[in-house]
Amino acid sequence: MAPTIYADTLFLFNFLLDSAVLIITQKLLKREINILKTAVGAGLGGIYAVFMFFPKTSFLYSVLSK
């Protein structure tokens, strides 16, 4: 039986972890925490993780695109 991956759960989990990493980094660097920029950055990270499961987007994982 193949494992099932739900895109919404994957996105939410990645969004939350990316948000935590960005906020912790901002605190360590003693920078002002901008919630909008943090949410946009975490959202892009979540979308990037979801696209991993689409077969026609393999170009996103090349060295040049990263």
Protein backbone atom coordinates (compact mmCIF):
# COMPACT_ATOMS: atom_id res chain seq x y z
CA MET A 1 0.00 0.00 0.00
CA ALA A 2 1.47 3.34 -1.06
CA PRO A 3 1.62 6.18 1.47
CA THR A 4 -0.81 9.05 0.93
CA ILE A 5 0.48 12.61 1.13
CA TYR A 6 -2.05 15.41 1.52
CA ALA A 7 -0.95 18.69 -0.04
CA ASP A 8 -2.77 20.88 2.50
CA THR A 9 -1.20 19.09 5.46
CA LEU A 10 2.24 19.20 3.86
CA PHE A 11 1.87 22.91 3.14
CA LEU A 12 0.65 23.73 6.64
CA PHE A 13 3.37 21.71 8.36
CA ASN A 14 6.07 23.28 6.18
CA PHE A 15 4.58 26.76 6.63
CA LEU A 16 4.65 26.43 10.41
CA LEU A 17 8.20 25.08 10.53
CA ASP A 18 9.49 27.69 8.09
CA SER A 19 7.79 30.42 10.13
CA ALA A 20 9.43 29.14 13.30
CA VAL A 21 12.86 29.03 11.68
CA LEU A 22 12.49 32.54 10.26
CA ILE A 23 11.26 34.01 13.57
CA ILE A 24 14.03 32.33 15.56
CA THR A 25 16.61 33.60 13.08
CA GLN A 26 15.21 37.12 13.31
CA LYS A 27 15.37 36.98 17.11
CA LEU A 28 18.94 35.65 17.12
CA LEU A 29 20.04 38.43 14.77
CA LYS A 30 18.13 40.97 16.91
CA ARG A 31 16.15 42.22 13.95
CA GLU A 32 12.62 43.57 13.91
CA ILE A 33 10.13 40.77 13.28
CA ASN A 34 8.00 41.65 10.28
CA ILE A 35 5.06 39.24 10.29
CA LEU A 36 4.08 39.93 6.67
CA LYS A 37 7.57 39.20 5.31
CA THR A 38 7.82 36.12 7.53
CA ALA A 39 4.45 34.82 6.31
CA VAL A 40 5.37 35.41 2.65
CA GLY A 41 8.72 33.66 3.08
CA ALA A 42 7.16 30.72 4.90
CA GLY A 43 4.39 30.53 2.29
CA LEU A 44 6.93 30.34 -0.52
CA GLY A 45 8.75 27.60 1.37
CA GLY A 46 5.51 25.68 1.82
CA ILE A 47 4.60 25.98 -1.86
CA TYR A 48 8.10 24.84 -2.82
CA ALA A 49 7.68 21.72 -0.67
CA VAL A 50 4.29 20.89 -2.23
CA PHE A 51 5.69 21.24 -5.76
CA MET A 52 8.16 18.46 -4.97
CA PHE A 53 5.38 15.96 -5.67
CA PHE A 54 4.50 17.26 -9.13
CA PRO A 55 6.50 15.36 -11.76
CA LYS A 56 6.78 18.19 -14.31
CA THR A 57 8.50 20.55 -11.86
CA SER A 58 11.81 18.72 -11.58
CA PHE A 59 13.57 21.83 -12.94
CA LEU A 60 12.93 23.50 -9.56
CA TYR A 61 15.39 21.12 -7.92
CA SER A 62 18.38 21.87 -10.11
CA VAL A 63 21.37 23.75 -8.73
CA LEU A 64 20.65 26.79 -10.89
CA SER A 65 17.09 27.30 -9.71
CA LYS A 66 17.94 27.01 -6.03
